[in-house]
Each structure stands twice: as C-alpha cells, then as structure tokens.
Amino acid sequence: MQWSLMGSGESRDSKERGVRALYEEQANPLYAYVLRLVGGDRHRAEDIIQETLLRCWSKQDLSLDASQLRPWLFRVARNLVIDGHRRRLARPCEIDGSNWLREMSADADEIENVLSSVVVGEAFKALSESHREVLYETYFVGRTTQEAAVALAIPHGTVKSRVYYALRSLRLALEERGVVTATASQQPASSASG
C-alpha cells in the first residue's frame, strides 16, 4: 500500500523533508503491524496509522533518526489500539444493526411459523376425515400415494383424487382464515389442471 504524507508535495524545510523521508520508510511496516493488531480491519488500521502519523507530525521537534522513529511509531500505534479497545469496553455495548435485524427477523420468522402452524392445524381440523387421513399419510408421514393406498386399504386412484381435493379444501380453509389470498389459491389449481 502506498502512503502519502499530509501537506504539499514540496517540503518547505529540512525538518519536514526529514519527517517525510522517515515516514515513507516506516508507513508500510507500520501498516502491516497495526493490521495484525486490529485483526485485519483495514479501515481501523488506516485510522490508527493516520492518528499515529499526525502525532508524529505534531512532534516534529523530535530529532529521531530511522532507528529511533520506528519503535516510537510502533509504540504510539500500539497505544492507540489499546486505548481504542479500552474505550469500547468502557462504553455500553454497541448495537450492531445487522445482528439486531437478523435476530428480530429470526424471532419474527419463528413467531410466524408458530402462528402459521396453529392456523394450518385449525384448517386441517376443518377437513373431512378422509381428506385428513390422506394428507396425514402423504405429507406428515411422507408416504407416496401408492404406500398411502396400502396403509389406508383404498385404491391408489382414490388416494390421488382425495389428496387433490383435500389440498383444494385446505387452501379454501386457509383463505377463509386470511393466510392465503384468493389469487394465490387459484394459481396452483389452474396450474394443476394444465
């Protein structure tokens, strides 16, 4: 990553040129070091490096050579990371909107599933006993229509037609309870006949 120092491209005096040269030597190693400290968070690393270099810039009167500047920069950056960590611990927990929305969405989905199962259970009870039997065998037990025919001791064709009419009746019962709209219930019926 290429870094540039604040200020004009032309240095005004030897002190500024010295700081610029030292900075250009230290920026990339400092970035790699800070990036490890912040767990790979590039934006946070860049902010810390900017603050570190700003402090270096404000203390231009330091007559440090490259061998002295690197440890000083790394110590300042490390202290900034520690200070940031301590500030986050001292504040109340931050709410991450994405996690909160995911949790709320999961809770809403769970509540929706429970309510839907209650409504579907009520609609299921409104069906005739023969329709409940074939739906139970095919959807809840997971049998094929052929296996359901054997279990119920009725012809295979009768199971198929009862499943069709049971689903149609169930859709109507759910429509009456406001779970499905009339257009949604008409679409599967028209596609089944096509």
N, C-alpha and C. Protein backbone atom coordinates (compact mmCIF):
# COMPACT_ATOMS: atom_id res chain seq x y z
N MET A 1 0.85 -1.16 0.00
CA MET A 1 0.00 0.00 0.00
C MET A 1 0.90 1.23 0.00
N GLN A 2 0.63 2.18 -0.86
CA GLN A 2 1.42 3.40 -0.94
C GLN A 2 0.77 4.48 -0.10
N TRP A 3 1.54 5.12 0.74
CA TRP A 3 1.04 6.15 1.64
C TRP A 3 1.60 7.49 1.21
N SER A 4 0.85 8.54 1.46
CA SER A 4 1.36 9.88 1.21
C SER A 4 1.19 10.71 2.47
N LEU A 5 2.14 11.57 2.73
CA LEU A 5 2.13 12.38 3.93
C LEU A 5 1.30 13.62 3.70
N MET A 6 0.67 14.12 4.76
CA MET A 6 -0.14 15.32 4.66
C MET A 6 0.74 16.48 4.23
N GLY A 7 0.13 17.46 3.59
CA GLY A 7 0.85 18.67 3.21
C GLY A 7 1.14 18.67 1.74
N SER A 8 1.86 19.66 1.31
CA SER A 8 2.15 19.82 -0.11
C SER A 8 3.19 18.81 -0.56
N GLY A 9 3.29 18.65 -1.86
CA GLY A 9 4.28 17.75 -2.43
C GLY A 9 5.68 18.28 -2.24
N GLU A 10 5.85 19.57 -2.17
CA GLU A 10 7.15 20.20 -1.95
C GLU A 10 7.34 20.45 -0.46
N SER A 11 8.37 19.91 0.11
CA SER A 11 8.64 20.16 1.53
C SER A 11 9.22 21.56 1.70
N ARG A 12 8.83 22.24 2.77
CA ARG A 12 9.24 23.63 2.97
C ARG A 12 10.60 23.73 3.65
N ASP A 13 10.92 22.82 4.50
CA ASP A 13 12.20 22.92 5.18
C ASP A 13 12.80 21.55 5.39
N SER A 14 13.99 21.52 5.91
CA SER A 14 14.70 20.25 6.08
C SER A 14 14.01 19.36 7.10
N LYS A 15 13.40 19.94 8.14
CA LYS A 15 12.71 19.15 9.16
C LYS A 15 11.53 18.40 8.55
N GLU A 16 10.76 19.10 7.71
CA GLU A 16 9.62 18.47 7.05
C GLU A 16 10.08 17.39 6.09
N ARG A 17 11.14 17.67 5.35
CA ARG A 17 11.68 16.66 4.43
C ARG A 17 12.16 15.43 5.21
N GLY A 18 12.75 15.66 6.37
CA GLY A 18 13.23 14.56 7.19
C GLY A 18 12.08 13.69 7.69
N VAL A 19 11.01 14.34 8.16
CA VAL A 19 9.85 13.59 8.63
C VAL A 19 9.22 12.83 7.48
N ARG A 20 9.15 13.50 6.30
CA ARG A 20 8.56 12.84 5.13
C ARG A 20 9.37 11.60 4.74
N ALA A 21 10.65 11.71 4.72
CA ALA A 21 11.51 10.58 4.35
C ALA A 21 11.38 9.44 5.35
N LEU A 22 11.38 9.78 6.64
CA LEU A 22 11.24 8.75 7.67
C LEU A 22 9.87 8.07 7.57
N TYR A 23 8.87 8.88 7.30
CA TYR A 23 7.51 8.34 7.16
C TYR A 23 7.43 7.36 6.00
N GLU A 24 7.98 7.77 4.86
CA GLU A 24 7.91 6.91 3.68
C GLU A 24 8.62 5.59 3.90
N GLU A 25 9.61 5.59 4.76
CA GLU A 25 10.31 4.35 5.10
C GLU A 25 9.49 3.48 6.05
N GLN A 26 8.69 4.11 6.91
CA GLN A 26 8.03 3.39 8.01
C GLN A 26 6.58 3.04 7.75
N ALA A 27 5.92 3.69 6.78
CA ALA A 27 4.46 3.54 6.63
C ALA A 27 4.04 2.09 6.36
N ASN A 28 4.70 1.42 5.43
CA ASN A 28 4.26 0.06 5.10
C ASN A 28 4.50 -0.93 6.23
N PRO A 29 5.67 -0.94 6.89
CA PRO A 29 5.81 -1.85 8.05
C PRO A 29 4.83 -1.52 9.17
N LEU A 30 4.58 -0.21 9.39
CA LEU A 30 3.64 0.21 10.42
C LEU A 30 2.23 -0.29 10.09
N TYR A 31 1.84 -0.19 8.82
CA TYR A 31 0.52 -0.65 8.39
C TYR A 31 0.37 -2.15 8.64
N ALA A 32 1.39 -2.93 8.27
CA ALA A 32 1.33 -4.38 8.47
C ALA A 32 1.20 -4.71 9.96
N TYR A 33 1.95 -4.00 10.79
CA TYR A 33 1.91 -4.23 12.24
C TYR A 33 0.53 -3.90 12.81
N VAL A 34 0.00 -2.73 12.47
CA VAL A 34 -1.29 -2.31 13.00
C VAL A 34 -2.41 -3.21 12.49
N LEU A 35 -2.32 -3.63 11.24
CA LEU A 35 -3.33 -4.51 10.67
C LEU A 35 -3.44 -5.81 11.47
N ARG A 36 -2.30 -6.34 11.92
CA ARG A 36 -2.33 -7.54 12.77
C ARG A 36 -2.96 -7.24 14.12
N LEU A 37 -2.66 -6.06 14.67
CA LEU A 37 -3.20 -5.71 15.99
C LEU A 37 -4.72 -5.57 15.98
N VAL A 38 -5.27 -5.10 14.87
CA VAL A 38 -6.71 -4.87 14.81
C VAL A 38 -7.45 -6.01 14.11
N GLY A 39 -6.81 -7.14 13.99
CA GLY A 39 -7.48 -8.33 13.45
C GLY A 39 -7.86 -8.23 11.98
N GLY A 40 -7.08 -7.48 11.19
CA GLY A 40 -7.34 -7.41 9.75
C GLY A 40 -8.33 -6.32 9.35
N ASP A 41 -8.77 -5.50 10.29
CA ASP A 41 -9.72 -4.42 9.96
C ASP A 41 -8.94 -3.28 9.30
N ARG A 42 -8.98 -3.23 7.97
CA ARG A 42 -8.17 -2.26 7.21
C ARG A 42 -8.55 -0.82 7.52
N HIS A 43 -9.84 -0.55 7.63
CA HIS A 43 -10.28 0.82 7.89
C HIS A 43 -9.77 1.30 9.25
N ARG A 44 -9.87 0.45 10.22
CA ARG A 44 -9.40 0.82 11.56
C ARG A 44 -7.89 0.99 11.56
N ALA A 45 -7.19 0.11 10.85
CA ALA A 45 -5.73 0.22 10.76
C ALA A 45 -5.33 1.54 10.12
N GLU A 46 -6.02 1.92 9.06
CA GLU A 46 -5.71 3.18 8.39
C GLU A 46 -5.97 4.37 9.31
N ASP A 47 -7.05 4.32 10.07
CA ASP A 47 -7.34 5.40 11.02
C ASP A 47 -6.25 5.51 12.08
N ILE A 48 -5.79 4.38 12.58
CA ILE A 48 -4.75 4.38 13.61
C ILE A 48 -3.44 4.90 13.04
N ILE A 49 -3.10 4.49 11.83
CA ILE A 49 -1.87 4.98 11.20
C ILE A 49 -1.96 6.48 10.98
N GLN A 50 -3.11 6.95 10.53
CA GLN A 50 -3.28 8.38 10.32
C GLN A 50 -3.08 9.15 11.63
N GLU A 51 -3.67 8.66 12.71
CA GLU A 51 -3.52 9.32 14.01
C GLU A 51 -2.06 9.25 14.47
N THR A 52 -1.41 8.11 14.26
CA THR A 52 -0.01 7.96 14.65
C THR A 52 0.85 8.97 13.90
N LEU A 53 0.63 9.08 12.61
CA LEU A 53 1.44 10.00 11.81
C LEU A 53 1.11 11.45 12.12
N LEU A 54 -0.13 11.71 12.48
CA LEU A 54 -0.49 13.07 12.90
C LEU A 54 0.26 13.44 14.17
N ARG A 55 0.37 12.51 15.09
CA ARG A 55 1.13 12.77 16.31
C ARG A 55 2.61 12.96 16.01
N CYS A 56 3.10 12.17 15.08
CA CYS A 56 4.50 12.33 14.65
C CYS A 56 4.69 13.71 14.03
N TRP A 57 3.76 14.10 13.20
CA TRP A 57 3.81 15.39 12.52
C TRP A 57 3.79 16.54 13.54
N SER A 58 2.98 16.41 14.58
CA SER A 58 2.88 17.48 15.57
C SER A 58 4.12 17.54 16.46
N LYS A 59 4.89 16.48 16.51
CA LYS A 59 6.10 16.46 17.32
C LYS A 59 7.34 16.49 16.44
N GLN A 60 7.32 17.36 15.44
CA GLN A 60 8.45 17.44 14.50
C GLN A 60 9.75 17.83 15.17
N ASP A 61 9.66 18.40 16.34
CA ASP A 61 10.89 18.81 17.00
C ASP A 61 11.70 17.61 17.50
N LEU A 62 11.13 16.41 17.40
CA LEU A 62 11.87 15.22 17.78
C LEU A 62 13.00 15.02 16.77
N SER A 63 14.14 14.88 17.24
CA SER A 63 15.27 14.66 16.33
C SER A 63 15.59 13.16 16.34
N LEU A 64 14.68 12.41 15.77
CA LEU A 64 14.82 10.95 15.74
C LEU A 64 15.31 10.50 14.37
N ASP A 65 16.23 9.60 14.37
CA ASP A 65 16.61 9.00 13.08
C ASP A 65 15.73 7.77 12.86
N ALA A 66 15.93 7.08 11.74
CA ALA A 66 15.07 5.94 11.37
C ALA A 66 15.06 4.85 12.43
N SER A 67 16.20 4.61 13.05
CA SER A 67 16.28 3.54 14.05
C SER A 67 15.50 3.91 15.32
N GLN A 68 15.35 5.19 15.61
CA GLN A 68 14.59 5.62 16.78
C GLN A 68 13.11 5.84 16.45
N LEU A 69 12.84 6.24 15.21
CA LEU A 69 11.46 6.57 14.83
C LEU A 69 10.57 5.33 14.77
N ARG A 70 11.09 4.24 14.21
CA ARG A 70 10.26 3.05 14.06
C ARG A 70 9.71 2.57 15.40
N PRO A 71 10.54 2.36 16.42
CA PRO A 71 9.97 1.91 17.70
C PRO A 71 8.98 2.91 18.28
N TRP A 72 9.26 4.21 18.11
CA TRP A 72 8.36 5.23 18.62
C TRP A 72 7.01 5.15 17.91
N LEU A 73 7.01 5.04 16.57
CA LEU A 73 5.77 4.94 15.80
C LEU A 73 4.99 3.69 16.19
N PHE A 74 5.68 2.57 16.32
CA PHE A 74 5.02 1.32 16.66
C PHE A 74 4.42 1.40 18.07
N ARG A 75 5.13 2.05 19.00
CA ARG A 75 4.62 2.18 20.36
C ARG A 75 3.38 3.08 20.38
N VAL A 76 3.43 4.20 19.64
CA VAL A 76 2.27 5.09 19.57
C VAL A 76 1.08 4.36 18.96
N ALA A 77 1.30 3.63 17.87
CA ALA A 77 0.21 2.89 17.21
C ALA A 77 -0.36 1.83 18.16
N ARG A 78 0.51 1.12 18.84
CA ARG A 78 0.05 0.09 19.78
C ARG A 78 -0.79 0.72 20.89
N ASN A 79 -0.33 1.85 21.42
CA ASN A 79 -1.07 2.54 22.47
C ASN A 79 -2.44 3.02 21.96
N LEU A 80 -2.50 3.47 20.72
CA LEU A 80 -3.78 3.89 20.15
C LEU A 80 -4.74 2.71 20.03
N VAL A 81 -4.22 1.56 19.63
CA VAL A 81 -5.07 0.35 19.54
C VAL A 81 -5.59 -0.03 20.92
N ILE A 82 -4.71 0.00 21.92
CA ILE A 82 -5.12 -0.34 23.29
C ILE A 82 -6.14 0.66 23.80
N ASP A 83 -5.89 1.96 23.58
CA ASP A 83 -6.83 2.99 24.02
C ASP A 83 -8.20 2.80 23.37
N GLY A 84 -8.20 2.50 22.08
CA GLY A 84 -9.47 2.27 21.39
C GLY A 84 -10.22 1.08 21.97
N HIS A 85 -9.48 0.03 22.28
CA HIS A 85 -10.10 -1.17 22.88
C HIS A 85 -10.69 -0.83 24.24
N ARG A 86 -9.95 -0.09 25.04
CA ARG A 86 -10.44 0.29 26.37
C ARG A 86 -11.67 1.18 26.27
N ARG A 87 -11.68 2.11 25.30
CA ARG A 87 -12.85 2.98 25.13
C ARG A 87 -14.09 2.16 24.78
N ARG A 88 -13.93 1.17 23.93
CA ARG A 88 -15.08 0.32 23.55
C ARG A 88 -15.57 -0.50 24.74
N LEU A 89 -14.66 -0.92 25.61
CA LEU A 89 -15.07 -1.68 26.80
C LEU A 89 -15.76 -0.79 27.81
N ALA A 90 -15.37 0.48 27.89
CA ALA A 90 -15.96 1.40 28.88
C ALA A 90 -17.34 1.87 28.47
N ARG A 91 -17.62 1.86 27.19
CA ARG A 91 -18.94 2.30 26.71
C ARG A 91 -19.94 1.16 26.81
N PRO A 92 -21.21 1.52 26.85
CA PRO A 92 -22.22 0.46 26.78
C PRO A 92 -22.08 -0.29 25.46
N CYS A 93 -22.54 -1.51 25.46
CA CYS A 93 -22.42 -2.33 24.25
C CYS A 93 -23.07 -1.62 23.07
N GLU A 94 -22.32 -1.65 21.98
CA GLU A 94 -22.86 -1.08 20.75
C GLU A 94 -23.80 -2.09 20.12
N ILE A 95 -24.86 -1.59 19.55
CA ILE A 95 -25.81 -2.47 18.90
C ILE A 95 -25.46 -2.52 17.44
N ASP A 96 -25.15 -3.70 16.97
CA ASP A 96 -24.87 -3.89 15.56
C ASP A 96 -26.21 -4.08 14.87
N GLY A 97 -26.58 -3.14 14.04
CA GLY A 97 -27.89 -3.15 13.39
C GLY A 97 -28.15 -4.42 12.61
N SER A 98 -27.12 -4.94 11.93
CA SER A 98 -27.35 -6.13 11.12
C SER A 98 -27.67 -7.34 11.99
N ASN A 99 -26.96 -7.48 13.13
CA ASN A 99 -27.27 -8.61 14.03
C ASN A 99 -28.65 -8.45 14.63
N TRP A 100 -28.98 -7.24 15.06
CA TRP A 100 -30.28 -6.98 15.64
C TRP A 100 -31.38 -7.30 14.65
N LEU A 101 -31.21 -6.84 13.41
CA LEU A 101 -32.23 -7.12 12.39
C LEU A 101 -32.34 -8.61 12.11
N ARG A 102 -31.19 -9.29 12.08
CA ARG A 102 -31.22 -10.75 11.85
C ARG A 102 -31.94 -11.45 12.99
N GLU A 103 -31.64 -11.03 14.23
CA GLU A 103 -32.29 -11.65 15.39
C GLU A 103 -33.79 -11.37 15.38
N MET A 104 -34.15 -10.12 15.09
CA MET A 104 -35.57 -9.78 15.03
C MET A 104 -36.25 -10.54 13.91
N SER A 105 -35.58 -10.66 12.80
CA SER A 105 -36.14 -11.39 11.67
C SER A 105 -36.31 -12.86 12.01
N ALA A 106 -35.31 -13.43 12.68
CA ALA A 106 -35.41 -14.84 13.09
C ALA A 106 -36.54 -15.03 14.08
N ASP A 107 -36.66 -14.10 15.05
CA ASP A 107 -37.76 -14.18 16.02
C ASP A 107 -39.10 -14.04 15.30
N ALA A 108 -39.19 -13.09 14.38
CA ALA A 108 -40.44 -12.88 13.63
C ALA A 108 -40.77 -14.12 12.80
N ASP A 109 -39.74 -14.73 12.18
CA ASP A 109 -39.97 -15.94 11.40
C ASP A 109 -40.46 -17.07 12.29
N GLU A 110 -39.86 -17.19 13.48
CA GLU A 110 -40.28 -18.24 14.41
C GLU A 110 -41.72 -18.02 14.87
N ILE A 111 -42.04 -16.79 15.20
CA ILE A 111 -43.42 -16.46 15.61
C ILE A 111 -44.38 -16.72 14.46
N GLU A 112 -43.98 -16.31 13.26
CA GLU A 112 -44.80 -16.52 12.07
C GLU A 112 -45.02 -18.02 11.85
N ASN A 113 -43.97 -18.81 12.02
CA ASN A 113 -44.11 -20.27 11.84
C ASN A 113 -45.06 -20.87 12.86
N VAL A 114 -44.95 -20.44 14.11
CA VAL A 114 -45.85 -20.96 15.15
C VAL A 114 -47.29 -20.59 14.84
N LEU A 115 -47.52 -19.31 14.52
CA LEU A 115 -48.88 -18.88 14.20
C LEU A 115 -49.41 -19.60 12.97
N SER A 116 -48.56 -19.74 11.96
CA SER A 116 -48.99 -20.45 10.75
C SER A 116 -49.36 -21.89 11.06
N SER A 117 -48.54 -22.54 11.91
CA SER A 117 -48.85 -23.94 12.22
C SER A 117 -50.16 -24.05 12.99
N VAL A 118 -50.46 -23.07 13.85
CA VAL A 118 -51.73 -23.09 14.57
C VAL A 118 -52.89 -22.93 13.59
N VAL A 119 -52.75 -21.98 12.67
CA VAL A 119 -53.82 -21.72 11.70
C VAL A 119 -53.97 -22.92 10.76
N VAL A 120 -52.84 -23.48 10.32
CA VAL A 120 -52.92 -24.66 9.44
C VAL A 120 -53.55 -25.83 10.19
N GLY A 121 -53.22 -25.97 11.48
CA GLY A 121 -53.82 -27.03 12.29
C GLY A 121 -55.33 -26.88 12.38
N GLU A 122 -55.79 -25.64 12.57
CA GLU A 122 -57.24 -25.39 12.62
C GLU A 122 -57.88 -25.68 11.27
N ALA A 123 -57.23 -25.25 10.20
CA ALA A 123 -57.77 -25.51 8.86
C ALA A 123 -57.78 -27.00 8.57
N PHE A 124 -56.74 -27.71 9.04
CA PHE A 124 -56.65 -29.15 8.85
C PHE A 124 -57.81 -29.86 9.56
N LYS A 125 -58.16 -29.37 10.76
CA LYS A 125 -59.28 -29.97 11.50
C LYS A 125 -60.62 -29.73 10.80
N ALA A 126 -60.69 -28.70 9.97
CA ALA A 126 -61.94 -28.39 9.27
C ALA A 126 -62.19 -29.34 8.09
N LEU A 127 -61.18 -30.11 7.69
CA LEU A 127 -61.34 -31.05 6.57
C LEU A 127 -62.12 -32.28 7.01
N SER A 128 -62.63 -32.99 6.01
CA SER A 128 -63.32 -34.25 6.32
C SER A 128 -62.28 -35.27 6.79
N GLU A 129 -62.77 -36.30 7.47
CA GLU A 129 -61.85 -37.31 8.00
C GLU A 129 -61.06 -38.00 6.89
N SER A 130 -61.70 -38.31 5.77
CA SER A 130 -61.00 -38.99 4.68
C SER A 130 -59.91 -38.10 4.08
N HIS A 131 -60.16 -36.77 4.00
CA HIS A 131 -59.14 -35.85 3.49
C HIS A 131 -57.98 -35.72 4.49
N ARG A 132 -58.30 -35.66 5.77
CA ARG A 132 -57.24 -35.58 6.78
C ARG A 132 -56.36 -36.81 6.74
N GLU A 133 -56.99 -38.00 6.56
CA GLU A 133 -56.22 -39.25 6.53
C GLU A 133 -55.20 -39.26 5.39
N VAL A 134 -55.65 -38.90 4.17
CA VAL A 134 -54.72 -38.97 3.03
C VAL A 134 -53.62 -37.91 3.15
N LEU A 135 -53.96 -36.73 3.65
CA LEU A 135 -52.92 -35.70 3.83
C LEU A 135 -51.94 -36.10 4.92
N TYR A 136 -52.44 -36.70 5.97
CA TYR A 136 -51.58 -37.16 7.04
C TYR A 136 -50.59 -38.20 6.51
N GLU A 137 -51.10 -39.17 5.78
CA GLU A 137 -50.24 -40.24 5.27
C GLU A 137 -49.22 -39.73 4.24
N THR A 138 -49.65 -38.83 3.36
CA THR A 138 -48.74 -38.40 2.28
C THR A 138 -47.80 -37.26 2.71
N TYR A 139 -48.29 -36.30 3.48
CA TYR A 139 -47.46 -35.14 3.82
C TYR A 139 -46.77 -35.26 5.17
N PHE A 140 -47.46 -35.74 6.18
CA PHE A 140 -46.87 -35.80 7.51
C PHE A 140 -46.03 -37.05 7.72
N VAL A 141 -46.54 -38.20 7.25
CA VAL A 141 -45.78 -39.43 7.37
C VAL A 141 -44.74 -39.53 6.25
N GLY A 142 -45.05 -38.92 5.10
CA GLY A 142 -44.10 -38.90 3.98
C GLY A 142 -44.22 -40.09 3.04
N ARG A 143 -45.37 -40.71 3.03
CA ARG A 143 -45.57 -41.86 2.15
C ARG A 143 -45.93 -41.40 0.74
N THR A 144 -45.63 -42.24 -0.22
CA THR A 144 -46.09 -41.97 -1.59
C THR A 144 -47.58 -42.28 -1.64
N THR A 145 -48.24 -41.88 -2.71
CA THR A 145 -49.67 -42.17 -2.81
C THR A 145 -49.91 -43.67 -2.87
N GLN A 146 -48.98 -44.40 -3.48
CA GLN A 146 -49.10 -45.87 -3.55
C GLN A 146 -49.00 -46.47 -2.14
N GLU A 147 -48.03 -46.01 -1.35
CA GLU A 147 -47.86 -46.51 0.01
C GLU A 147 -49.05 -46.11 0.90
N ALA A 148 -49.54 -44.90 0.69
CA ALA A 148 -50.71 -44.44 1.46
C ALA A 148 -51.93 -45.30 1.13
N ALA A 149 -52.07 -45.69 -0.14
CA ALA A 149 -53.19 -46.54 -0.55
C ALA A 149 -53.14 -47.87 0.19
N VAL A 150 -51.95 -48.44 0.32
CA VAL A 150 -51.80 -49.70 1.04
C VAL A 150 -52.11 -49.50 2.52
N ALA A 151 -51.57 -48.42 3.12
CA ALA A 151 -51.79 -48.17 4.55
C ALA A 151 -53.26 -47.92 4.87
N LEU A 152 -53.98 -47.24 3.96
CA LEU A 152 -55.39 -46.90 4.20
C LEU A 152 -56.34 -47.97 3.65
N ALA A 153 -55.78 -48.93 2.94
CA ALA A 153 -56.57 -50.01 2.33
C ALA A 153 -57.64 -49.46 1.39
N ILE A 154 -57.23 -48.52 0.53
CA ILE A 154 -58.13 -47.98 -0.50
C ILE A 154 -57.35 -47.95 -1.81
N PRO A 155 -58.04 -47.87 -2.95
CA PRO A 155 -57.35 -47.86 -4.24
C PRO A 155 -56.42 -46.65 -4.40
N HIS A 156 -55.36 -46.86 -5.18
CA HIS A 156 -54.37 -45.82 -5.44
C HIS A 156 -55.01 -44.57 -6.06
N GLY A 157 -55.88 -44.76 -7.02
CA GLY A 157 -56.56 -43.63 -7.67
C GLY A 157 -57.39 -42.82 -6.69
N THR A 158 -58.01 -43.49 -5.74
CA THR A 158 -58.82 -42.80 -4.73
C THR A 158 -57.93 -41.92 -3.86
N VAL A 159 -56.74 -42.41 -3.50
CA VAL A 159 -55.80 -41.61 -2.69
C VAL A 159 -55.40 -40.36 -3.47
N LYS A 160 -55.09 -40.52 -4.76
CA LYS A 160 -54.67 -39.38 -5.57
C LYS A 160 -55.76 -38.32 -5.65
N SER A 161 -56.99 -38.75 -5.91
CA SER A 161 -58.07 -37.76 -6.02
C SER A 161 -58.39 -37.13 -4.65
N ARG A 162 -58.30 -37.91 -3.59
CA ARG A 162 -58.56 -37.34 -2.26
C ARG A 162 -57.48 -36.31 -1.88
N VAL A 163 -56.23 -36.61 -2.23
CA VAL A 163 -55.15 -35.65 -1.97
C VAL A 163 -55.41 -34.35 -2.71
N TYR A 164 -55.81 -34.45 -3.96
CA TYR A 164 -56.09 -33.26 -4.77
C TYR A 164 -57.20 -32.43 -4.13
N TYR A 165 -58.31 -33.07 -3.82
CA TYR A 165 -59.45 -32.35 -3.24
C TYR A 165 -59.19 -31.89 -1.80
N ALA A 166 -58.39 -32.67 -1.07
CA ALA A 166 -58.04 -32.27 0.30
C ALA A 166 -57.18 -31.00 0.28
N LEU A 167 -56.22 -30.93 -0.63
CA LEU A 167 -55.38 -29.74 -0.74
C LEU A 167 -56.20 -28.52 -1.17
N ARG A 168 -57.12 -28.76 -2.06
CA ARG A 168 -58.01 -27.68 -2.53
C ARG A 168 -58.88 -27.17 -1.37
N SER A 169 -59.41 -28.10 -0.58
CA SER A 169 -60.23 -27.72 0.58
C SER A 169 -59.37 -27.01 1.63
N LEU A 170 -58.16 -27.49 1.82
CA LEU A 170 -57.25 -26.87 2.78
C LEU A 170 -56.91 -25.44 2.35
N ARG A 171 -56.68 -25.24 1.07
CA ARG A 171 -56.42 -23.89 0.54
C ARG A 171 -57.60 -22.97 0.81
N LEU A 172 -58.80 -23.48 0.59
CA LEU A 172 -60.00 -22.67 0.84
C LEU A 172 -60.14 -22.34 2.32
N ALA A 173 -59.86 -23.32 3.18
CA ALA A 173 -59.95 -23.08 4.62
C ALA A 173 -58.90 -22.06 5.06
N LEU A 174 -57.71 -22.11 4.49
CA LEU A 174 -56.67 -21.13 4.81
C LEU A 174 -57.03 -19.76 4.27
N GLU A 175 -57.66 -19.73 3.12
CA GLU A 175 -58.12 -18.47 2.52
C GLU A 175 -59.15 -17.81 3.43
N GLU A 176 -60.05 -18.61 3.97
CA GLU A 176 -61.07 -18.08 4.89
C GLU A 176 -60.43 -17.49 6.14
N ARG A 177 -59.30 -18.05 6.55
CA ARG A 177 -58.61 -17.58 7.75
C ARG A 177 -57.62 -16.45 7.45
N GLY A 178 -57.54 -16.03 6.18
CA GLY A 178 -56.68 -14.92 5.80
C GLY A 178 -55.21 -15.27 5.63
N VAL A 179 -54.88 -16.55 5.58
CA VAL A 179 -53.49 -16.95 5.42
C VAL A 179 -53.05 -16.88 3.96
N VAL A 180 -53.91 -17.27 3.06
CA VAL A 180 -53.62 -17.23 1.62
C VAL A 180 -54.65 -16.33 0.96
N THR A 181 -54.22 -15.66 -0.11
CA THR A 181 -55.16 -14.82 -0.85
C THR A 181 -55.84 -15.64 -1.92
N ALA A 182 -56.93 -15.13 -2.44
CA ALA A 182 -57.70 -15.85 -3.45
C ALA A 182 -56.89 -16.07 -4.71
N THR A 183 -56.07 -15.09 -5.11
CA THR A 183 -55.27 -15.26 -6.33
C THR A 183 -54.22 -16.33 -6.13
N ALA A 184 -53.63 -16.40 -4.93
CA ALA A 184 -52.63 -17.43 -4.67
C ALA A 184 -53.26 -18.81 -4.71
N SER A 185 -54.48 -18.92 -4.19
CA SER A 185 -55.12 -20.23 -4.17
C SER A 185 -55.61 -20.64 -5.56
N GLN A 186 -55.85 -19.67 -6.43
CA GLN A 186 -56.31 -20.00 -7.78
C GLN A 186 -55.15 -20.43 -8.67
N GLN A 187 -53.96 -19.90 -8.44
CA GLN A 187 -52.83 -20.22 -9.30
C GLN A 187 -52.49 -21.71 -9.27
N PRO A 188 -52.33 -22.34 -8.08
CA PRO A 188 -51.99 -23.77 -8.10
C PRO A 188 -53.10 -24.61 -8.75
N ALA A 189 -54.36 -24.23 -8.54
CA ALA A 189 -55.45 -25.01 -9.11
C ALA A 189 -55.41 -24.94 -10.62
N SER A 190 -55.13 -23.75 -11.19
CA SER A 190 -55.09 -23.63 -12.65
C SER A 190 -53.85 -24.33 -13.22
N SER A 191 -52.72 -24.31 -12.47
CA SER A 191 -51.53 -24.99 -12.98
C SER A 191 -51.67 -26.49 -12.86
N ALA A 192 -52.45 -26.98 -11.87
CA ALA A 192 -52.66 -28.42 -11.73
C ALA A 192 -53.50 -28.96 -12.87
N SER A 193 -54.41 -28.12 -13.39
CA SER A 193 -55.25 -28.62 -14.48
C SER A 193 -54.55 -28.52 -15.81
N GLY A 194 -53.43 -27.72 -15.91
CA GLY A 194 -52.71 -27.51 -17.16
C GLY A 194 -51.73 -28.52 -17.38
